[in-house]
Amino acid sequence: MSNKWNGIVGMILSAGLILGGCGFSGSQQEGSSLSEDQTLRLSETGELSTLDSAKAKDVPSMNVLNNVQEGLMRMGKEKKPEEGIASNYDISEDKKVYTFYLREDAKWSDGKPVTAFDFEYGWKRVLDPKTKSEYAYILYPIKNAARFNGGQASANEVGVKAKDEHTLVVTLEKPTLSFINMTTHATYLPQRKDIVEKYKESYGLRPENTVFNGPFIVSKWSPQKIELAKNESYWDKNAVSLTKVDINIIKDVATGINLYNSNQLDTALLNQAFVDAFKQTPDYLEVKQSSTAYILLNQKHPFFQNENIRKAITLALDRETIAEIMKDGSEPAGALVPPSLSGEGINSFRINGEIIKPDVNKAREYFEKGLRELGRATPPTNIVMVSYDSTAKRDVAVNIKEQLKKKLDWDIKLDAPNWKVHVDRLSRGDYDMGMLTWNADYDDPIGHFEIWQSKNPMNWSGFKNAKYDQLVEQAKKTTDSKQQFKILTQAEKILTDVEGEGQAGFVPLFYASKAYVQKTYVKDLYRHATGSEYTLKWAYIIKEKK
């Protein structure tokens, strides 16, 4: 999502953490009964910006699109993709051609059928350079997609073809293990050419300028609230219990908690200040994200070009203390890839544990060695770390400053600008140290690795290692998940470790979580670790016990 460099993003569509549910959906749970009022009231911290899936990039837009539109596949209850508009699909022997067969009963909210031509049009519109889609790159596994997006090929050369109304043939550049996962992303949604061309620049900016093919439609939309209604044209409408969803735009967490406590919201986000008040109650939920928070060290700066200085900072920090400051279930990070992402098969990528463990004595040895190599008696006193302006992460930055002073006798300065300035400075390389968070868009760790490759435009630290680049490219090409896991494990050690070939290219801090309160009468509201944050299709409300 927007820049992907923050704790708000998020957006994959996989590795979902199922919370608030009981393995039951759409009818009566044993020992309970459905409430007559199937209205769910939840909140978002940001406003909906667009319903145009070709231009959506922020979390609120992705969340709404996940519930009012449906792609070939959607993230299911079992934390893996399941058939959406596609009823089934075939994969060629060379794993480069995917043939999707669409449901004949899939319809748009105006009653017209959803066709393979809608997918071909929607995907090519994303890739059209004129659209200026910031998420176009997620379609790059498709043959000639990147070339078309870069103005070097025509739309007809892109490997997406509607064979007929119910058959879509997709040809990839090379076998891609995560392609089915990728099709659950909002950028892979279909679009109606007649509607887009009718409303032009206003398409997706008002509910009446859009048609929907998902479980819900947007019935009303204002800066304060988005109202969803059950889509009676949806092919699987019998699985949908909720008749209405009120998404209230509440930017202040305290306001959301007050509304929750006064029974005006059914679920609300928590932050550091409110976790303790709810943590021991049945209403408390923690959702593991596919996010890793870390410190970038600008390797164009002479001080951080020294490998021993980087290793010292990496080993000096007590991540248990840092994670405790967050209070939301975040866990200490001793590597690049969070446990919520898969490695080999269904196993967590972290099945072999963490790479980095704090060691203050070694940290001091590395620091003193680095200073000698730089010809310095003492560390520089003008190093500034760009940190977050949000409460919990601001407190983490203060703790990092305190730890470095205590353990390395090194005093750094802090700067906490607003998010726009924060990202701008780091992207331009105008920083010494900088805090960031990277979130995956789908259940594949490869995205966490790509951003550290030498030529990746998002490699804002300037980390360079030829063997690392080679390993990541090798991992992209393999079709064997065991082999890919083995290759990426080697790459992770080069980037993260302080031993052997390890270069301590960044400083891991914590694997992020989010904390919520949710009424116990809300069932089967599925929340995800990656991509859009929740799925409402199977949610329902039971009667409260008297």
Protein backbone atom coordinates (compact mmCIF):
# COMPACT_ATOMS: atom_id res chain seq x y z
CA MET A 1 0.00 0.00 0.00
CA SER A 2 1.01 3.58 -0.11
CA ASN A 3 4.84 3.36 -0.13
CA LYS A 4 4.45 0.17 1.90
CA TRP A 5 6.89 1.69 4.37
CA ASN A 6 4.66 1.94 7.37
CA GLY A 7 2.86 0.02 10.01
CA ILE A 8 -0.46 0.97 8.43
CA VAL A 9 -0.03 -1.00 5.33
CA GLY A 10 -0.34 -3.97 4.73
CA MET A 11 -1.72 -5.30 2.46
CA ILE A 12 -1.20 -9.36 1.31
CA LEU A 13 -3.69 -11.42 0.99
CA SER A 14 -2.64 -14.45 2.71
CA ALA A 15 -1.34 -15.97 5.90
CA GLY A 16 -4.53 -14.71 7.52
CA LEU A 17 -4.84 -15.00 11.27
CA ILE A 18 -8.35 -16.16 12.07
CA LEU A 19 -9.68 -14.34 15.09
CA GLY A 20 -13.08 -13.74 16.57
CA GLY A 21 -14.55 -16.80 14.86
CA CYS A 22 -15.63 -20.25 15.87
CA GLY A 23 -15.28 -22.15 12.61
CA PHE A 24 -18.93 -21.43 11.84
CA SER A 25 -20.41 -19.14 9.23
CA GLY A 26 -23.67 -17.90 7.89
CA SER A 27 -26.29 -19.63 10.02
CA GLN A 28 -26.82 -20.74 13.59
CA GLN A 29 -23.98 -21.70 15.88
CA GLU A 30 -24.64 -24.52 18.33
CA GLY A 31 -25.99 -23.12 21.57
CA SER A 32 -26.66 -19.68 20.12
CA SER A 33 -28.85 -18.00 17.54
CA LEU A 34 -28.46 -15.21 15.04
CA SER A 35 -29.37 -11.71 16.08
CA GLU A 36 -32.23 -10.19 14.12
CA ASP A 37 -30.08 -7.13 13.50
CA GLN A 38 -27.15 -8.20 11.31
CA THR A 39 -25.43 -4.79 11.32
CA LEU A 40 -21.72 -4.67 12.05
CA ARG A 41 -20.15 -1.39 13.20
CA LEU A 42 -16.41 -1.10 12.81
CA SER A 43 -13.86 1.65 12.26
CA GLU A 44 -11.01 2.70 10.00
CA THR A 45 -8.32 5.18 10.97
CA GLY A 46 -8.14 6.68 7.46
CA GLU A 47 -10.61 7.81 4.83
CA LEU A 48 -11.54 5.76 1.77
CA SER A 49 -9.78 7.38 -1.19
CA THR A 50 -11.08 5.38 -4.16
CA LEU A 51 -13.08 2.36 -5.29
CA ASP A 52 -10.97 2.15 -8.46
CA SER A 53 -8.86 -0.97 -7.92
CA ALA A 54 -6.37 0.22 -10.56
CA LYS A 55 -5.53 3.28 -8.46
CA ALA A 56 -6.08 2.06 -4.89
CA LYS A 57 -2.92 2.09 -2.76
CA ASP A 58 -3.99 2.87 0.83
CA VAL A 59 -5.16 0.45 3.49
CA PRO A 60 -8.78 1.69 3.88
CA SER A 61 -9.38 1.46 0.12
CA MET A 62 -7.87 -2.02 -0.06
CA ASN A 63 -9.97 -3.15 2.90
CA VAL A 64 -13.22 -1.93 1.37
CA LEU A 65 -12.39 -3.34 -2.08
CA ASN A 66 -11.72 -6.75 -0.54
CA ASN A 67 -15.33 -6.83 0.65
CA VAL A 68 -17.24 -5.20 -2.21
CA GLN A 69 -15.34 -6.76 -5.12
CA GLU A 70 -14.08 -10.25 -5.85
CA GLY A 71 -11.22 -11.49 -8.00
CA LEU A 72 -10.51 -14.90 -9.46
CA MET A 73 -9.43 -16.03 -5.98
CA ARG A 74 -10.02 -14.68 -2.49
CA MET A 75 -8.37 -15.38 0.85
CA GLY A 76 -10.39 -18.08 2.55
CA LYS A 77 -11.06 -19.16 6.12
CA GLU A 78 -8.19 -21.64 6.16
CA LYS A 79 -5.53 -18.97 5.56
CA LYS A 80 -5.06 -19.90 1.92
CA PRO A 81 -6.56 -18.76 -1.41
CA GLU A 82 -9.86 -20.25 -2.45
CA GLU A 83 -11.94 -19.93 -5.61
CA GLY A 84 -13.79 -16.62 -5.99
CA ILE A 85 -15.13 -15.69 -9.42
CA ALA A 86 -13.06 -18.58 -10.79
CA SER A 87 -14.70 -21.93 -10.08
CA ASN A 88 -11.45 -23.78 -10.90
CA TYR A 89 -8.22 -23.45 -12.84
CA ASP A 90 -5.58 -25.46 -14.68
CA ILE A 91 -1.80 -24.98 -14.70
CA SER A 92 0.29 -26.06 -17.66
CA GLU A 93 3.07 -28.61 -17.27
CA ASP A 94 5.74 -25.89 -17.53
CA LYS A 95 3.84 -23.89 -14.86
CA LYS A 96 3.75 -20.78 -17.04
CA VAL A 97 0.16 -20.89 -18.35
CA TYR A 98 -2.84 -20.59 -16.02
CA THR A 99 -6.34 -21.18 -17.40
CA PHE A 100 -9.12 -19.88 -15.14
CA TYR A 101 -12.73 -21.00 -15.61
CA LEU A 102 -15.23 -18.39 -14.37
CA ARG A 103 -18.53 -19.09 -12.66
CA GLU A 104 -21.49 -18.68 -14.98
CA ASP A 105 -23.62 -17.35 -12.11
CA ALA A 106 -21.22 -14.53 -11.15
CA LYS A 107 -22.89 -11.14 -11.66
CA TRP A 108 -22.21 -7.47 -11.11
CA SER A 109 -24.51 -5.50 -8.84
CA ASP A 110 -26.43 -4.20 -11.88
CA GLY A 111 -27.21 -7.78 -12.92
CA LYS A 112 -24.76 -8.08 -15.81
CA PRO A 113 -22.48 -11.15 -15.85
CA VAL A 114 -18.87 -11.00 -14.71
CA THR A 115 -16.78 -12.13 -17.69
CA ALA A 116 -13.19 -13.00 -18.50
CA PHE A 117 -13.12 -9.83 -20.61
CA ASP A 118 -13.64 -7.81 -17.40
CA PHE A 119 -10.46 -9.35 -15.97
CA GLU A 120 -8.46 -8.80 -19.14
CA TYR A 121 -9.60 -5.17 -19.31
CA GLY A 122 -9.02 -4.50 -15.59
CA TRP A 123 -5.51 -5.93 -15.52
CA LYS A 124 -4.42 -4.20 -18.69
CA ARG A 125 -5.84 -0.92 -17.42
CA VAL A 126 -3.62 -1.26 -14.33
CA LEU A 127 -0.61 -1.81 -16.60
CA ASP A 128 -1.44 0.98 -19.02
CA PRO A 129 1.16 3.72 -18.38
CA LYS A 130 -1.62 6.32 -18.69
CA THR A 131 -3.31 4.92 -15.56
CA LYS A 132 -0.19 5.57 -13.46
CA SER A 133 -1.04 2.72 -11.10
CA GLU A 134 1.45 2.54 -8.22
CA TYR A 135 0.70 -1.16 -7.81
CA ALA A 136 1.26 -2.10 -11.47
CA TYR A 137 4.43 -3.97 -10.51
CA ILE A 138 2.44 -6.67 -8.75
CA LEU A 139 1.26 -7.83 -12.21
CA TYR A 140 4.81 -8.06 -13.55
CA PRO A 141 4.98 -11.88 -13.37
CA ILE A 142 2.63 -11.82 -16.39
CA LYS A 143 4.34 -12.01 -19.78
CA ASN A 144 5.21 -8.55 -21.17
CA ALA A 145 3.40 -6.82 -18.28
CA ALA A 146 6.47 -4.87 -17.20
CA ARG A 147 7.31 -3.96 -20.81
CA PHE A 148 3.79 -2.66 -21.47
CA ASN A 149 3.82 -0.69 -18.23
CA GLY A 150 7.15 0.79 -19.28
CA GLY A 151 5.95 1.74 -22.75
CA GLN A 152 7.99 -0.95 -24.51
CA ALA A 153 5.19 -3.28 -25.61
CA SER A 154 1.53 -3.07 -26.61
CA ALA A 155 -1.50 -4.22 -24.64
CA ASN A 156 -2.01 -7.05 -27.12
CA GLU A 157 1.39 -8.47 -26.20
CA VAL A 158 0.49 -8.83 -22.51
CA GLY A 159 -0.11 -12.45 -21.48
CA VAL A 160 -3.74 -12.00 -20.43
CA LYS A 161 -6.38 -13.19 -22.91
CA ALA A 162 -10.11 -13.80 -22.54
CA LYS A 163 -10.66 -16.93 -24.62
CA ASP A 164 -14.41 -16.52 -24.19
CA GLU A 165 -16.75 -15.06 -21.56
CA HIS A 166 -15.88 -17.69 -18.96
CA THR A 167 -12.26 -18.62 -19.79
CA LEU A 168 -9.23 -16.48 -18.96
CA VAL A 169 -5.76 -17.59 -20.09
CA VAL A 170 -2.79 -16.05 -18.29
CA THR A 171 0.78 -16.60 -19.50
CA LEU A 172 3.67 -15.80 -17.14
CA GLU A 173 7.21 -14.71 -17.92
CA LYS A 174 8.49 -17.63 -15.84
CA PRO A 175 7.03 -20.05 -13.29
CA THR A 176 5.98 -18.10 -10.19
CA LEU A 177 5.28 -20.09 -7.03
CA SER A 178 3.11 -17.40 -5.47
CA PHE A 179 1.00 -16.45 -8.50
CA ILE A 180 -2.28 -17.85 -7.14
CA ASN A 181 -1.70 -15.96 -3.89
CA MET A 182 -1.07 -12.81 -5.89
CA THR A 183 -4.45 -13.03 -7.63
CA THR A 184 -6.16 -12.39 -4.28
CA HIS A 185 -4.68 -8.86 -4.26
CA ALA A 186 -7.00 -5.96 -5.03
CA THR A 187 -4.96 -4.95 -8.08
CA TYR A 188 -6.04 -8.22 -9.74
CA LEU A 189 -9.75 -7.34 -9.54
CA PRO A 190 -11.87 -7.16 -12.70
CA GLN A 191 -13.32 -3.90 -14.06
CA ARG A 192 -16.21 -3.12 -16.35
CA LYS A 193 -14.99 -1.26 -19.43
CA ASP A 194 -18.37 0.38 -20.08
CA ILE A 195 -18.57 1.77 -16.54
CA VAL A 196 -14.97 3.02 -16.49
CA GLU A 197 -15.38 4.75 -19.84
CA LYS A 198 -18.74 6.22 -18.88
CA TYR A 199 -17.50 7.93 -15.72
CA LYS A 200 -13.86 8.49 -16.79
CA GLU A 201 -11.95 10.46 -14.11
CA SER A 202 -14.85 10.20 -11.63
CA TYR A 203 -14.93 6.39 -11.84
CA GLY A 204 -14.59 4.90 -8.37
CA LEU A 205 -15.02 8.22 -6.59
CA ARG A 206 -18.73 7.77 -5.82
CA PRO A 207 -20.69 4.57 -5.15
CA GLU A 208 -23.08 5.32 -8.00
CA ASN A 209 -20.12 5.55 -10.40
CA THR A 210 -19.09 1.96 -9.66
CA VAL A 211 -20.50 -1.54 -9.94
CA PHE A 212 -19.69 -4.32 -7.47
CA ASN A 213 -19.30 -8.09 -7.73
CA GLY A 214 -18.41 -8.98 -4.13
CA PRO A 215 -20.39 -9.91 -1.00
CA PHE A 216 -21.32 -6.25 -0.34
CA ILE A 217 -21.90 -3.00 -2.17
CA VAL A 218 -21.07 0.53 -1.04
CA SER A 219 -24.45 2.14 -0.39
CA LYS A 220 -23.22 5.44 1.10
CA TRP A 221 -19.85 7.15 1.31
CA SER A 222 -18.85 10.30 3.16
CA PRO A 223 -15.61 11.44 4.84
CA GLN A 224 -17.07 10.29 8.18
CA LYS A 225 -18.59 6.93 7.25
CA ILE A 226 -18.78 4.23 4.59
CA GLU A 227 -21.93 2.12 4.59
CA LEU A 228 -21.98 -1.33 3.02
CA ALA A 229 -25.08 -3.34 2.19
CA LYS A 230 -25.40 -7.01 1.30
CA ASN A 231 -25.06 -7.55 -2.46
CA GLU A 232 -28.13 -9.50 -3.51
CA SER A 233 -26.53 -10.17 -6.92
CA TYR A 234 -23.47 -11.88 -5.41
CA TRP A 235 -23.09 -15.47 -6.59
CA ASP A 236 -22.56 -16.77 -3.02
CA LYS A 237 -25.04 -14.50 -1.24
CA ASN A 238 -26.40 -17.38 0.88
CA ALA A 239 -23.05 -17.47 2.72
CA VAL A 240 -23.44 -13.80 3.71
CA SER A 241 -25.29 -13.10 6.97
CA LEU A 242 -24.58 -9.41 7.53
CA THR A 243 -27.11 -7.09 5.92
CA LYS A 244 -25.27 -3.87 6.70
CA VAL A 245 -21.78 -2.75 7.70
CA ASP A 246 -21.03 0.74 9.05
CA ILE A 247 -17.35 1.66 8.66
CA ASN A 248 -16.78 4.74 10.78
CA ILE A 249 -13.73 6.90 10.02
CA ILE A 250 -12.15 7.49 13.43
CA LYS A 251 -8.60 8.77 13.34
CA ASP A 252 -8.19 9.08 17.11
CA VAL A 253 -7.90 5.77 18.98
CA ALA A 254 -9.29 7.24 22.20
CA THR A 255 -12.46 8.32 20.38
CA GLY A 256 -12.86 4.81 19.00
CA ILE A 257 -12.51 3.29 22.46
CA ASN A 258 -15.10 5.68 23.88
CA LEU A 259 -17.54 4.68 21.12
CA TYR A 260 -16.79 1.02 21.77
CA ASN A 261 -17.40 1.36 25.50
CA SER A 262 -20.70 3.14 24.85
CA ASN A 263 -21.76 0.30 22.50
CA GLN A 264 -21.64 2.44 19.36
CA LEU A 265 -18.91 0.27 17.80
CA ASP A 266 -18.58 -3.51 17.71
CA THR A 267 -14.81 -3.50 17.25
CA ALA A 268 -12.06 -0.90 17.56
CA LEU A 269 -8.31 -0.55 17.25
CA LEU A 270 -6.19 -0.32 20.40
CA ASN A 271 -2.88 1.39 20.90
CA GLN A 272 -0.23 1.33 23.58
CA ALA A 273 -2.26 3.50 25.96
CA PHE A 274 -5.30 1.20 26.02
CA VAL A 275 -3.98 -2.35 25.71
CA ASP A 276 -3.57 -2.97 29.44
CA ALA A 277 -7.19 -2.00 30.11
CA PHE A 278 -8.50 -4.73 27.81
CA LYS A 279 -5.79 -7.38 27.64
CA GLN A 280 -7.36 -9.67 30.23
CA THR A 281 -10.91 -9.37 28.85
CA PRO A 282 -12.70 -11.68 26.37
CA ASP A 283 -12.93 -8.72 23.97
CA TYR A 284 -9.16 -8.51 23.40
CA LEU A 285 -7.64 -9.66 20.07
CA GLU A 286 -4.11 -9.66 18.70
CA VAL A 287 -3.48 -9.96 14.98
CA LYS A 288 0.00 -10.88 13.83
CA GLN A 289 1.06 -8.81 10.83
CA SER A 290 3.43 -9.80 8.02
CA SER A 291 5.55 -6.81 9.02
CA THR A 292 9.09 -6.31 10.21
CA ALA A 293 10.09 -3.02 11.85
CA TYR A 294 13.74 -2.11 11.62
CA ILE A 295 16.37 0.63 11.47
CA LEU A 296 17.90 1.59 8.13
CA LEU A 297 21.56 2.59 8.30
CA ASN A 298 22.47 4.91 5.43
CA GLN A 299 25.47 3.16 3.92
CA LYS A 300 26.45 6.25 1.96
CA HIS A 301 27.36 7.75 5.34
CA PRO A 302 31.05 7.00 6.15
CA PHE A 303 30.20 5.89 9.69
CA PHE A 304 27.72 3.24 8.54
CA GLN A 305 29.89 2.03 5.68
CA ASN A 306 31.90 0.35 8.40
CA GLU A 307 30.62 -3.21 8.84
CA ASN A 308 31.73 -3.45 12.48
CA ILE A 309 29.74 -0.36 13.44
CA ARG A 310 26.63 -1.89 11.88
CA LYS A 311 27.24 -5.18 13.68
CA ALA A 312 27.69 -3.37 17.00
CA ILE A 313 24.33 -1.58 16.72
CA THR A 314 22.63 -4.84 15.73
CA LEU A 315 23.96 -6.74 18.75
CA ALA A 316 23.54 -3.93 21.29
CA LEU A 317 19.75 -3.68 21.30
CA ASP A 318 17.49 -5.58 23.68
CA ARG A 319 14.51 -6.34 21.44
CA GLU A 320 12.43 -7.87 24.22
CA THR A 321 12.24 -4.44 25.86
CA ILE A 322 11.40 -2.79 22.54
CA ALA A 323 8.57 -5.26 21.81
CA GLU A 324 7.15 -4.76 25.30
CA ILE A 325 6.87 -1.04 24.64
CA MET A 326 4.50 -1.74 21.74
CA LYS A 327 2.15 -3.74 24.06
CA ASP A 328 0.16 -5.04 21.07
CA GLY A 329 1.60 -8.51 20.68
CA SER A 330 4.60 -7.43 18.64
CA GLU A 331 7.51 -9.85 18.99
CA PRO A 332 11.29 -9.29 19.11
CA ALA A 333 12.79 -9.56 15.62
CA GLY A 334 16.12 -11.25 15.14
CA ALA A 335 15.92 -11.55 11.37
CA LEU A 336 14.25 -10.17 8.23
CA VAL A 337 11.17 -12.34 7.63
CA PRO A 338 8.32 -12.46 10.19
CA PRO A 339 6.93 -15.79 11.48
CA SER A 340 3.55 -15.10 9.83
CA LEU A 341 5.00 -15.70 6.35
CA SER A 342 5.41 -19.20 4.98
CA GLY A 343 8.74 -20.76 4.20
CA GLU A 344 8.84 -24.34 3.01
CA GLY A 345 5.27 -25.51 2.37
CA ILE A 346 2.95 -24.44 5.18
CA ASN A 347 5.75 -24.04 7.72
CA SER A 348 6.65 -20.60 9.04
CA PHE A 349 9.74 -19.05 7.46
CA ARG A 350 11.07 -18.75 11.03
CA ILE A 351 10.88 -22.50 11.66
CA ASN A 352 14.62 -22.50 12.43
CA GLY A 353 14.38 -19.57 14.82
CA GLU A 354 16.00 -16.15 14.88
CA ILE A 355 19.43 -15.21 13.55
CA ILE A 356 20.42 -12.31 15.83
CA LYS A 357 20.64 -12.54 19.60
CA PRO A 358 21.74 -9.53 21.69
CA ASP A 359 25.28 -9.63 23.02
CA VAL A 360 26.42 -6.39 24.65
CA ASN A 361 30.04 -7.50 25.15
CA LYS A 362 30.44 -8.43 21.50
CA ALA A 363 28.66 -5.21 20.51
CA ARG A 364 31.23 -3.16 22.42
CA GLU A 365 34.09 -5.11 20.80
CA TYR A 366 32.71 -4.49 17.33
CA PHE A 367 32.08 -0.82 18.11
CA GLU A 368 35.61 -0.20 19.39
CA LYS A 369 37.08 -2.07 16.41
CA GLY A 370 34.96 -0.01 14.00
CA LEU A 371 36.04 3.25 15.62
CA ARG A 372 39.71 2.26 15.30
CA GLU A 373 39.22 1.39 11.63
CA LEU A 374 37.65 4.81 11.08
CA GLY A 375 40.47 6.54 12.93
CA ARG A 376 38.14 7.83 15.63
CA ALA A 377 38.53 7.91 19.39
CA THR A 378 34.82 8.54 19.91
CA PRO A 379 31.66 8.13 17.81
CA PRO A 380 30.16 11.12 15.99
CA THR A 381 27.74 13.25 18.02
CA ASN A 382 25.68 14.55 15.10
CA ILE A 383 23.99 11.30 14.01
CA VAL A 384 20.21 11.71 13.73
CA MET A 385 17.65 8.89 13.58
CA VAL A 386 14.42 9.67 11.73
CA SER A 387 11.72 8.04 13.86
CA TYR A 388 7.95 7.77 13.85
CA ASP A 389 5.67 10.48 15.21
CA SER A 390 3.11 7.96 16.55
CA THR A 391 3.10 7.36 20.29
CA ALA A 392 4.30 3.75 20.62
CA LYS A 393 7.00 3.89 17.95
CA ARG A 394 8.13 7.28 19.21
CA ASP A 395 8.67 5.64 22.59
CA VAL A 396 10.60 2.83 20.89
CA ALA A 397 12.91 5.43 19.32
CA VAL A 398 13.54 7.00 22.74
CA ASN A 399 14.37 3.56 24.14
CA ILE A 400 16.80 2.87 21.27
CA LYS A 401 18.54 6.16 22.01
CA GLU A 402 18.79 5.23 25.70
CA GLN A 403 20.11 1.73 24.96
CA LEU A 404 22.82 2.99 22.60
CA LYS A 405 23.93 5.55 25.18
CA LYS A 406 24.07 2.98 27.97
CA LYS A 407 25.66 0.12 26.04
CA LEU A 408 27.91 1.87 23.51
CA ASP A 409 28.36 5.26 25.20
CA TRP A 410 27.03 6.79 22.00
CA ASP A 411 24.51 9.64 22.03
CA ILE A 412 22.32 9.92 18.92
CA LYS A 413 19.66 12.55 18.19
CA LEU A 414 16.02 11.89 17.24
CA ASP A 415 13.78 13.54 14.68
CA ALA A 416 10.10 12.57 14.40
CA PRO A 417 8.58 14.41 11.42
CA ASN A 418 5.13 13.68 10.01
CA TRP A 419 4.82 10.56 7.88
CA LYS A 420 5.02 12.33 4.51
CA VAL A 421 8.29 14.06 5.44
CA HIS A 422 9.58 10.85 7.04
CA VAL A 423 9.17 8.82 3.84
CA ASP A 424 10.41 11.64 1.61
CA ARG A 425 13.65 12.02 3.55
CA LEU A 426 14.41 8.31 3.63
CA SER A 427 13.57 7.81 -0.05
CA ARG A 428 15.96 10.64 -1.00
CA GLY A 429 18.71 9.32 1.25
CA ASP A 430 18.52 12.45 3.41
CA TYR A 431 19.09 10.67 6.72
CA ASP A 432 21.68 8.92 8.89
CA MET A 433 19.49 6.32 10.59
CA GLY A 434 15.79 5.76 9.92
CA MET A 435 12.99 3.60 11.34
CA LEU A 436 10.76 1.77 8.86
CA THR A 437 8.32 -1.13 8.64
CA TRP A 438 7.90 -3.43 5.65
CA ASN A 439 4.66 -5.36 5.15
CA ALA A 440 4.05 -8.18 2.65
CA ASP A 441 1.21 -8.02 0.13
CA TYR A 442 0.73 -11.78 -0.09
CA ASP A 443 2.09 -14.92 1.56
CA ASP A 444 5.53 -15.00 0.00
CA PRO A 445 8.72 -13.82 1.71
CA ILE A 446 10.34 -12.83 -1.60
CA GLY A 447 9.06 -9.25 -1.27
CA HIS A 448 11.00 -8.83 1.96
CA PHE A 449 14.18 -9.79 0.09
CA GLU A 450 13.72 -7.85 -3.14
CA ILE A 451 13.89 -4.45 -1.47
CA TRP A 452 17.51 -5.07 -0.42
CA GLN A 453 18.78 -5.90 -3.89
CA SER A 454 21.37 -3.45 -5.18
CA LYS A 455 19.27 -2.03 -8.02
CA ASN A 456 15.87 -2.05 -6.31
CA PRO A 457 14.53 1.54 -6.12
CA MET A 458 13.25 0.83 -2.61
CA ASN A 459 16.72 -0.09 -1.33
CA TRP A 460 16.97 3.20 0.53
CA SER A 461 19.94 2.16 2.67
CA GLY A 462 22.29 1.49 -0.24
CA PHE A 463 23.09 -2.05 0.92
CA LYS A 464 25.04 -3.89 -1.81
CA ASN A 465 26.15 -7.50 -1.96
CA ALA A 466 26.60 -9.34 -5.27
CA LYS A 467 26.08 -12.79 -3.77
CA TYR A 468 22.89 -11.62 -2.05
CA ASP A 469 21.55 -10.27 -5.37
CA GLN A 470 22.40 -13.54 -7.08
CA LEU A 471 20.66 -15.65 -4.43
CA VAL A 472 17.45 -13.60 -4.56
CA GLU A 473 17.32 -13.87 -8.37
CA GLN A 474 17.93 -17.60 -8.07
CA ALA A 475 15.07 -17.91 -5.56
CA LYS A 476 12.70 -16.09 -7.92
CA LYS A 477 13.40 -18.59 -10.68
CA THR A 478 13.01 -21.84 -8.77
CA THR A 479 9.73 -23.76 -8.82
CA ASP A 480 10.68 -25.91 -5.84
CA SER A 481 9.53 -24.46 -2.50
CA LYS A 482 12.15 -26.45 -0.54
CA GLN A 483 14.91 -25.11 -2.75
CA GLN A 484 13.58 -21.56 -2.56
CA PHE A 485 13.49 -21.71 1.24
CA LYS A 486 17.08 -22.98 1.32
CA ILE A 487 18.27 -20.19 -1.01
CA LEU A 488 16.45 -17.42 0.84
CA THR A 489 17.77 -18.66 4.17
CA GLN A 490 21.30 -18.13 2.83
CA ALA A 491 20.39 -14.66 1.55
CA GLU A 492 18.85 -13.71 4.90
CA LYS A 493 22.06 -14.60 6.74
CA ILE A 494 24.13 -12.40 4.41
CA LEU A 495 21.81 -9.47 5.02
CA THR A 496 21.15 -9.99 8.73
CA ASP A 497 23.85 -12.01 10.45
CA VAL A 498 27.01 -10.72 12.14
CA GLU A 499 28.90 -14.01 11.68
CA GLY A 500 30.48 -15.55 8.58
CA GLU A 501 29.37 -13.71 5.45
CA GLY A 502 26.82 -11.70 7.40
CA GLN A 503 27.01 -7.96 6.82
CA ALA A 504 24.39 -6.58 9.22
CA GLY A 505 22.76 -4.62 6.41
CA PHE A 506 19.98 -3.37 8.68
CA VAL A 507 18.92 -3.54 12.35
CA PRO A 508 15.78 -5.66 12.98
CA LEU A 509 13.55 -4.44 15.83
CA PHE A 510 10.22 -6.29 16.04
CA TYR A 511 7.63 -8.27 14.11
CA ALA A 512 4.54 -6.11 14.22
CA SER A 513 1.06 -6.94 15.49
CA LYS A 514 -2.16 -5.01 15.88
CA ALA A 515 -4.43 -5.13 18.91
CA TYR A 516 -8.20 -4.76 18.83
CA VAL A 517 -11.24 -5.00 21.04
CA GLN A 518 -14.20 -6.85 19.59
CA LYS A 519 -17.59 -7.69 21.08
CA THR A 520 -17.97 -11.38 21.80
CA TYR A 521 -21.23 -11.51 19.85
CA VAL A 522 -19.30 -10.84 16.61
CA LYS A 523 -18.31 -14.14 14.99
CA ASP A 524 -16.20 -15.16 11.99
CA LEU A 525 -14.76 -11.74 11.29
CA TYR A 526 -11.57 -12.99 9.68
CA ARG A 527 -8.49 -10.78 10.02
CA HIS A 528 -5.38 -11.24 7.90
CA ALA A 529 -1.68 -10.98 8.51
CA THR A 530 -1.05 -9.76 4.99
CA GLY A 531 -2.76 -7.53 2.45
CA SER A 532 -6.22 -6.25 3.20
CA GLU A 533 -6.90 -6.47 6.89
CA TYR A 534 -10.26 -8.24 7.11
CA THR A 535 -12.91 -10.28 5.31
CA LEU A 536 -16.58 -9.73 6.15
CA LYS A 537 -18.14 -12.36 3.89
CA TRP A 538 -18.63 -14.95 6.64
CA ALA A 539 -19.10 -12.60 9.62
CA TYR A 540 -22.32 -12.72 11.63
CA ILE A 541 -23.77 -11.54 14.93
CA ILE A 542 -25.33 -13.79 17.55
CA LYS A 543 -27.85 -12.85 20.18
CA GLU A 544 -26.30 -11.84 23.47
CA LYS A 545 -26.97 -14.13 26.41
CA LYS A 546 -29.16 -12.50 29.03
